[in-house]
Amino acid sequence: MTTSDMIRELCEKQNISLAELCRRIGQTPQNFNKKLQRGTVSFEEMMKIAEVLDVGYEQAFVLPDGEKISIEHK
C-alpha cells in the first residue's frame, strides 16, 4: 500500500474529502495531489495529518525478532 493509498483510505474511514484534509493541513489540493502522485509526502506532513484527524501515526524499523524502533504520535 502506498502513502497515497493510506491517506485516501484514512480520509474515507474518517468521512472527510481529500480537499478538506488539505485545507486542514494548510495546503492546496493541487500541491498535495502532486506530492501524493510523486510519493513525496514528508514525515512531518503525515504527523500533521494524524494531528488534525486525531489519529495515531507511527514510523518504525521492525527487527527480525519483532521489536520495533519507532517514532509514535498520539
PDB file of N, CA and C in Angstrom:
ATOM      1  N   MET A   1       0.857  -1.178   0.000  1.00  0.00           N
ATOM      2  CA  MET A   1       0.000   0.000   0.000  1.00  0.00           C
ATOM      3  C   MET A   1       0.900   1.237   0.000  1.00  0.00           C
ATOM      4  N   THR A   2       0.612   2.157  -0.892  1.00  0.00           N
ATOM      5  CA  THR A   2       1.413   3.374  -0.976  1.00  0.00           C
ATOM      6  C   THR A   2       0.946   4.405   0.050  1.00  0.00           C
ATOM      7  N   THR A   3       1.745   5.434   0.245  1.00  0.00           N
ATOM      8  CA  THR A   3       1.362   6.538   1.127  1.00  0.00           C
ATOM      9  C   THR A   3       0.063   7.162   0.641  1.00  0.00           C
ATOM     10  N   SER A   4      -0.047   7.339  -0.657  1.00  0.00           N
ATOM     11  CA  SER A   4      -1.262   7.898  -1.249  1.00  0.00           C
ATOM     12  C   SER A   4      -2.473   7.032  -0.912  1.00  0.00           C
ATOM     13  N   ASP A   5      -2.330   5.719  -1.059  1.00  0.00           N
ATOM     14  CA  ASP A   5      -3.426   4.797  -0.725  1.00  0.00           C
ATOM     15  C   ASP A   5      -3.809   4.908   0.744  1.00  0.00           C
ATOM     16  N   MET A   6      -2.798   4.998   1.609  1.00  0.00           N
ATOM     17  CA  MET A   6      -3.056   5.106   3.048  1.00  0.00           C
ATOM     18  C   MET A   6      -3.851   6.370   3.366  1.00  0.00           C
ATOM     19  N   ILE A   7      -3.440   7.489   2.785  1.00  0.00           N
ATOM     20  CA  ILE A   7      -4.111   8.763   3.068  1.00  0.00           C
ATOM     21  C   ILE A   7      -5.537   8.751   2.529  1.00  0.00           C
ATOM     22  N   ARG A   8      -5.721   8.220   1.339  1.00  0.00           N
ATOM     23  CA  ARG A   8      -7.065   8.145   0.761  1.00  0.00           C
ATOM     24  C   ARG A   8      -7.978   7.234   1.594  1.00  0.00           C
ATOM     25  N   GLU A   9      -7.461   6.107   2.047  1.00  0.00           N
ATOM     26  CA  GLU A   9      -8.253   5.207   2.889  1.00  0.00           C
ATOM     27  C   GLU A   9      -8.585   5.869   4.225  1.00  0.00           C
ATOM     28  N   LEU A  10      -7.625   6.568   4.797  1.00  0.00           N
ATOM     29  CA  LEU A  10      -7.869   7.284   6.050  1.00  0.00           C
ATOM     30  C   LEU A  10      -8.981   8.310   5.879  1.00  0.00           C
ATOM     31  N   CYS A  11      -8.932   9.068   4.789  1.00  0.00           N
ATOM     32  CA  CYS A  11      -9.986  10.059   4.521  1.00  0.00           C
ATOM     33  C   CYS A  11     -11.344   9.378   4.420  1.00  0.00           C
ATOM     34  N   GLU A  12     -11.374   8.257   3.711  1.00  0.00           N
ATOM     35  CA  GLU A  12     -12.631   7.522   3.549  1.00  0.00           C
ATOM     36  C   GLU A  12     -13.175   7.069   4.897  1.00  0.00           C
ATOM     37  N   LYS A  13     -12.309   6.499   5.724  1.00  0.00           N
ATOM     38  CA  LYS A  13     -12.738   5.986   7.030  1.00  0.00           C
ATOM     39  C   LYS A  13     -13.138   7.119   7.987  1.00  0.00           C
ATOM     40  N   GLN A  14     -12.561   8.309   7.780  1.00  0.00           N
ATOM     41  CA  GLN A  14     -12.872   9.447   8.639  1.00  0.00           C
ATOM     42  C   GLN A  14     -13.981  10.326   8.042  1.00  0.00           C
ATOM     43  N   ASN A  15     -14.540   9.881   6.913  1.00  0.00           N
ATOM     44  CA  ASN A  15     -15.613  10.624   6.238  1.00  0.00           C
ATOM     45  C   ASN A  15     -15.236  12.072   5.956  1.00  0.00           C
ATOM     46  N   ILE A  16     -14.062  12.243   5.342  1.00  0.00           N
ATOM     47  CA  ILE A  16     -13.562  13.571   5.011  1.00  0.00           C
ATOM     48  C   ILE A  16     -13.019  13.518   3.584  1.00  0.00           C
ATOM     49  N   SER A  17     -13.241  14.564   2.830  1.00  0.00           N
ATOM     50  CA  SER A  17     -12.702  14.597   1.468  1.00  0.00           C
ATOM     51  C   SER A  17     -11.218  14.936   1.521  1.00  0.00           C
ATOM     52  N   LEU A  18     -10.526  14.566   0.479  1.00  0.00           N
ATOM     53  CA  LEU A  18      -9.103  14.898   0.383  1.00  0.00           C
ATOM     54  C   LEU A  18      -8.930  16.413   0.360  1.00  0.00           C
ATOM     55  N   ALA A  19      -9.842  17.123  -0.300  1.00  0.00           N
ATOM     56  CA  ALA A  19      -9.772  18.588  -0.348  1.00  0.00           C
ATOM     57  C   ALA A  19      -9.907  19.190   1.053  1.00  0.00           C
ATOM     58  N   GLU A  20     -10.796  18.628   1.874  1.00  0.00           N
ATOM     59  CA  GLU A  20     -10.966  19.115   3.244  1.00  0.00           C
ATOM     60  C   GLU A  20      -9.726  18.822   4.074  1.00  0.00           C
ATOM     61  N   LEU A  21      -9.145  17.651   3.883  1.00  0.00           N
ATOM     62  CA  LEU A  21      -7.895  17.330   4.589  1.00  0.00           C
ATOM     63  C   LEU A  21      -6.825  18.353   4.229  1.00  0.00           C
ATOM     64  N   CYS A  22      -6.704  18.673   2.953  1.00  0.00           N
ATOM     65  CA  CYS A  22      -5.712  19.658   2.502  1.00  0.00           C
ATOM     66  C   CYS A  22      -5.925  20.996   3.190  1.00  0.00           C
ATOM     67  N   ARG A  23      -7.182  21.420   3.259  1.00  0.00           N
ATOM     68  CA  ARG A  23      -7.494  22.683   3.915  1.00  0.00           C
ATOM     69  C   ARG A  23      -7.048  22.651   5.381  1.00  0.00           C
ATOM     70  N   ARG A  24      -7.317  21.549   6.058  1.00  0.00           N
ATOM     71  CA  ARG A  24      -6.973  21.434   7.483  1.00  0.00           C
ATOM     72  C   ARG A  24      -5.466  21.417   7.733  1.00  0.00           C
ATOM     73  N   ILE A  25      -4.694  20.898   6.775  1.00  0.00           N
ATOM     74  CA  ILE A  25      -3.234  20.869   6.966  1.00  0.00           C
ATOM     75  C   ILE A  25      -2.555  22.073   6.317  1.00  0.00           C
ATOM     76  N   GLY A  26      -3.358  22.983   5.756  1.00  0.00           N
ATOM     77  CA  GLY A  26      -2.809  24.229   5.226  1.00  0.00           C
ATOM     78  C   GLY A  26      -2.149  24.110   3.868  1.00  0.00           C
ATOM     79  N   GLN A  27      -2.623  23.181   3.046  1.00  0.00           N
ATOM     80  CA  GLN A  27      -2.058  23.022   1.705  1.00  0.00           C
ATOM     81  C   GLN A  27      -3.174  23.079   0.672  1.00  0.00           C
ATOM     82  N   THR A  28      -2.824  23.438  -0.545  1.00  0.00           N
ATOM     83  CA  THR A  28      -3.811  23.423  -1.615  1.00  0.00           C
ATOM     84  C   THR A  28      -3.968  21.979  -2.107  1.00  0.00           C
ATOM     85  N   PRO A  29      -5.165  21.618  -2.550  1.00  0.00           N
ATOM     86  CA  PRO A  29      -5.355  20.270  -3.088  1.00  0.00           C
ATOM     87  C   PRO A  29      -4.420  19.986  -4.265  1.00  0.00           C
ATOM     88  N   GLN A  30      -4.183  20.988  -5.110  1.00  0.00           N
ATOM     89  CA  GLN A  30      -3.305  20.795  -6.265  1.00  0.00           C
ATOM     90  C   GLN A  30      -1.889  20.421  -5.822  1.00  0.00           C
ATOM     91  N   ASN A  31      -1.346  21.172  -4.877  1.00  0.00           N
ATOM     92  CA  ASN A  31       0.008  20.908  -4.381  1.00  0.00           C
ATOM     93  C   ASN A  31       0.089  19.542  -3.702  1.00  0.00           C
ATOM     94  N   PHE A  32      -0.892  19.240  -2.856  1.00  0.00           N
ATOM     95  CA  PHE A  32      -0.851  17.984  -2.114  1.00  0.00           C
ATOM     96  C   PHE A  32      -1.040  16.788  -3.050  1.00  0.00           C
ATOM     97  N   ASN A  33      -1.913  16.919  -4.046  1.00  0.00           N
ATOM     98  CA  ASN A  33      -2.094  15.835  -5.019  1.00  0.00           C
ATOM     99  C   ASN A  33      -0.801  15.533  -5.769  1.00  0.00           C
ATOM    100  N   LYS A  34      -0.027  16.563  -6.084  1.00  0.00           N
ATOM    101  CA  LYS A  34       1.270  16.348  -6.740  1.00  0.00           C
ATOM    102  C   LYS A  34       2.196  15.550  -5.834  1.00  0.00           C
ATOM    103  N   LYS A  35       2.192  15.881  -4.539  1.00  0.00           N
ATOM    104  CA  LYS A  35       3.021  15.130  -3.586  1.00  0.00           C
ATOM    105  C   LYS A  35       2.571  13.672  -3.505  1.00  0.00           C
ATOM    106  N   LEU A  36       1.254  13.453  -3.522  1.00  0.00           N
ATOM    107  CA  LEU A  36       0.738  12.084  -3.486  1.00  0.00           C
ATOM    108  C   LEU A  36       1.171  11.312  -4.729  1.00  0.00           C
ATOM    109  N   GLN A  37       1.096  11.943  -5.887  1.00  0.00           N
ATOM    110  CA  GLN A  37       1.477  11.288  -7.141  1.00  0.00           C
ATOM    111  C   GLN A  37       2.968  10.946  -7.162  1.00  0.00           C
ATOM    112  N   ARG A  38       3.786  11.852  -6.618  1.00  0.00           N
ATOM    113  CA  ARG A  38       5.241  11.632  -6.610  1.00  0.00           C
ATOM    114  C   ARG A  38       5.688  10.767  -5.437  1.00  0.00           C
ATOM    115  N   GLY A  39       4.819  10.595  -4.457  1.00  0.00           N
ATOM    116  CA  GLY A  39       5.199   9.844  -3.260  1.00  0.00           C
ATOM    117  C   GLY A  39       6.158  10.620  -2.383  1.00  0.00           C
ATOM    118  N   THR A  40       5.980  11.943  -2.327  1.00  0.00           N
ATOM    119  CA  THR A  40       6.908  12.789  -1.571  1.00  0.00           C
ATOM    120  C   THR A  40       6.263  13.457  -0.351  1.00  0.00           C
ATOM    121  N   VAL A  41       5.255  12.823   0.224  1.00  0.00           N
ATOM    122  CA  VAL A  41       4.650  13.351   1.450  1.00  0.00           C
ATOM    123  C   VAL A  41       5.648  13.123   2.574  1.00  0.00           C
ATOM    124  N   SER A  42       6.001  14.172   3.294  1.00  0.00           N
ATOM    125  CA  SER A  42       7.022  14.069   4.330  1.00  0.00           C
ATOM    126  C   SER A  42       6.478  13.465   5.624  1.00  0.00           C
ATOM    127  N   PHE A  43       7.391  13.020   6.460  1.00  0.00           N
ATOM    128  CA  PHE A  43       7.012  12.510   7.782  1.00  0.00           C
ATOM    129  C   PHE A  43       6.276  13.591   8.566  1.00  0.00           C
ATOM    130  N   GLU A  44       6.752  14.829   8.465  1.00  0.00           N
ATOM    131  CA  GLU A  44       6.108  15.936   9.173  1.00  0.00           C
ATOM    132  C   GLU A  44       4.673  16.134   8.696  1.00  0.00           C
ATOM    133  N   GLU A  45       4.454  15.989   7.393  1.00  0.00           N
ATOM    134  CA  GLU A  45       3.092  16.118   6.858  1.00  0.00           C
ATOM    135  C   GLU A  45       2.201  14.970   7.338  1.00  0.00           C
ATOM    136  N   MET A  46       2.752  13.770   7.417  1.00  0.00           N
ATOM    137  CA  MET A  46       1.989  12.635   7.934  1.00  0.00           C
ATOM    138  C   MET A  46       1.614  12.870   9.396  1.00  0.00           C
ATOM    139  N   MET A  47       2.538  13.425  10.165  1.00  0.00           N
ATOM    140  CA  MET A  47       2.254  13.752  11.569  1.00  0.00           C
ATOM    141  C   MET A  47       1.152  14.814  11.668  1.00  0.00           C
ATOM    142  N   LYS A  48       1.187  15.802  10.784  1.00  0.00           N
ATOM    143  CA  LYS A  48       0.170  16.858  10.772  1.00  0.00           C
ATOM    144  C   LYS A  48      -1.199  16.272  10.425  1.00  0.00           C
ATOM    145  N   ILE A  49      -1.241  15.360   9.465  1.00  0.00           N
ATOM    146  CA  ILE A  49      -2.496  14.697   9.108  1.00  0.00           C
ATOM    147  C   ILE A  49      -3.051  13.953  10.324  1.00  0.00           C
ATOM    148  N   ALA A  50      -2.188  13.208  11.009  1.00  0.00           N
ATOM    149  CA  ALA A  50      -2.615  12.482  12.216  1.00  0.00           C
ATOM    150  C   ALA A  50      -3.158  13.452  13.259  1.00  0.00           C
ATOM    151  N   GLU A  51      -2.484  14.567  13.416  1.00  0.00           N
ATOM    152  CA  GLU A  51      -2.908  15.562  14.411  1.00  0.00           C
ATOM    153  C   GLU A  51      -4.288  16.133  14.082  1.00  0.00           C
ATOM    154  N   VAL A  52      -4.493  16.569  12.842  1.00  0.00           N
ATOM    155  CA  VAL A  52      -5.767  17.220  12.500  1.00  0.00           C
ATOM    156  C   VAL A  52      -6.931  16.232  12.470  1.00  0.00           C
ATOM    157  N   LEU A  53      -6.648  14.949  12.241  1.00  0.00           N
ATOM    158  CA  LEU A  53      -7.711  13.947  12.228  1.00  0.00           C
ATOM    159  C   LEU A  53      -7.819  13.194  13.551  1.00  0.00           C
ATOM    160  N   ASP A  54      -6.971  13.557  14.513  1.00  0.00           N
ATOM    161  CA  ASP A  54      -6.986  12.967  15.851  1.00  0.00           C
ATOM    162  C   ASP A  54      -6.825  11.443  15.799  1.00  0.00           C
ATOM    163  N   VAL A  55      -5.801  11.017  15.063  1.00  0.00           N
ATOM    164  CA  VAL A  55      -5.452   9.597  14.989  1.00  0.00           C
ATOM    165  C   VAL A  55      -3.968   9.447  15.290  1.00  0.00           C
ATOM    166  N   GLY A  56      -3.551   8.252  15.571  1.00  0.00           N
ATOM    167  CA  GLY A  56      -2.137   7.986  15.808  1.00  0.00           C
ATOM    168  C   GLY A  56      -1.414   7.723  14.500  1.00  0.00           C
ATOM    169  N   TYR A  57      -0.111   7.949  14.509  1.00  0.00           N
ATOM    170  CA  TYR A  57       0.728   7.624  13.350  1.00  0.00           C
ATOM    171  C   TYR A  57       2.094   7.243  13.882  1.00  0.00           C
ATOM    172  N   GLU A  58       2.651   6.171  13.330  1.00  0.00           N
ATOM    173  CA  GLU A  58       3.997   5.788  13.731  1.00  0.00           C
ATOM    174  C   GLU A  58       4.800   5.380  12.516  1.00  0.00           C
ATOM    175  N   GLN A  59       6.080   5.599  12.618  1.00  0.00           N
ATOM    176  CA  GLN A  59       7.041   5.178  11.607  1.00  0.00           C
ATOM    177  C   GLN A  59       8.045   4.321  12.356  1.00  0.00           C
ATOM    178  N   ALA A  60       8.356   3.129  11.838  1.00  0.00           N
ATOM    179  CA  ALA A  60       9.170   2.220  12.637  1.00  0.00           C
ATOM    180  C   ALA A  60      10.086   1.351  11.791  1.00  0.00           C
ATOM    181  N   PHE A  61      11.177   0.950  12.424  1.00  0.00           N
ATOM    182  CA  PHE A  61      12.005  -0.144  11.941  1.00  0.00           C
ATOM    183  C   PHE A  61      11.534  -1.364  12.728  1.00  0.00           C
ATOM    184  N   VAL A  62      11.402  -2.497  12.066  1.00  0.00           N
ATOM    185  CA  VAL A  62      10.999  -3.724  12.751  1.00  0.00           C
ATOM    186  C   VAL A  62      12.144  -4.728  12.626  1.00  0.00           C
ATOM    187  N   LEU A  63      12.699  -5.092  13.755  1.00  0.00           N
ATOM    188  CA  LEU A  63      13.819  -6.025  13.799  1.00  0.00           C
ATOM    189  C   LEU A  63      13.336  -7.454  13.560  1.00  0.00           C
ATOM    190  N   PRO A  64      14.239  -8.368  13.198  1.00  0.00           N
ATOM    191  CA  PRO A  64      13.843  -9.750  12.919  1.00  0.00           C
ATOM    192  C   PRO A  64      13.068 -10.421  14.055  1.00  0.00           C
ATOM    193  N   ASP A  65      13.355 -10.022  15.295  1.00  0.00           N
ATOM    194  CA  ASP A  65      12.640 -10.622  16.428  1.00  0.00           C
ATOM    195  C   ASP A  65      11.302  -9.949  16.712  1.00  0.00           C
ATOM    196  N   GLY A  66      10.911  -8.964  15.873  1.00  0.00           N
ATOM    197  CA  GLY A  66       9.626  -8.290  16.046  1.00  0.00           C
ATOM    198  C   GLY A  66       9.696  -6.996  16.830  1.00  0.00           C
ATOM    199  N   GLU A  67      10.839  -6.724  17.458  1.00  0.00           N
ATOM    200  CA  GLU A  67      10.985  -5.485  18.206  1.00  0.00           C
ATOM    201  C   GLU A  67      10.896  -4.298  17.251  1.00  0.00           C
ATOM    202  N   LYS A  68      10.208  -3.234  17.695  1.00  0.00           N
ATOM    203  CA  LYS A  68      10.063  -2.028  16.875  1.00  0.00           C
ATOM    204  C   LYS A  68      10.891  -0.891  17.447  1.00  0.00           C
ATOM    205  N   ILE A  69      11.506  -0.152  16.552  1.00  0.00           N
ATOM    206  CA  ILE A  69      12.163   1.104  16.896  1.00  0.00           C
ATOM    207  C   ILE A  69      11.356   2.155  16.149  1.00  0.00           C
ATOM    208  N   SER A  70      10.620   2.976  16.907  1.00  0.00           N
ATOM    209  CA  SER A  70       9.684   3.858  16.225  1.00  0.00           C
ATOM    210  C   SER A  70       9.561   5.232  16.852  1.00  0.00           C
ATOM    211  N   ILE A  71       9.007   6.118  16.054  1.00  0.00           N
ATOM    212  CA  ILE A  71       8.558   7.433  16.496  1.00  0.00           C
ATOM    213  C   ILE A  71       7.049   7.319  16.494  1.00  0.00           C
ATOM    214  N   GLU A  72       6.441   7.572  17.611  1.00  0.00           N
ATOM    215  CA  GLU A  72       4.992   7.411  17.706  1.00  0.00           C
ATOM    216  C   GLU A  72       4.348   8.750  18.001  1.00  0.00           C
ATOM    217  N   HIS A  73       3.185   8.959  17.405  1.00  0.00           N
ATOM    218  CA  HIS A  73       2.415  10.182  17.619  1.00  0.00           C
ATOM    219  C   HIS A  73       1.070   9.797  18.179  1.00  0.00           C
ATOM    220  N   LYS A  74       0.652  10.505  19.219  1.00  0.00           N
ATOM    221  CA  LYS A  74      -0.647  10.416  19.878  1.00  0.00           C
ATOM    222  C   LYS A  74      -0.597   9.711  21.170  1.00  0.00           C
TER     223      LYS A  74
END
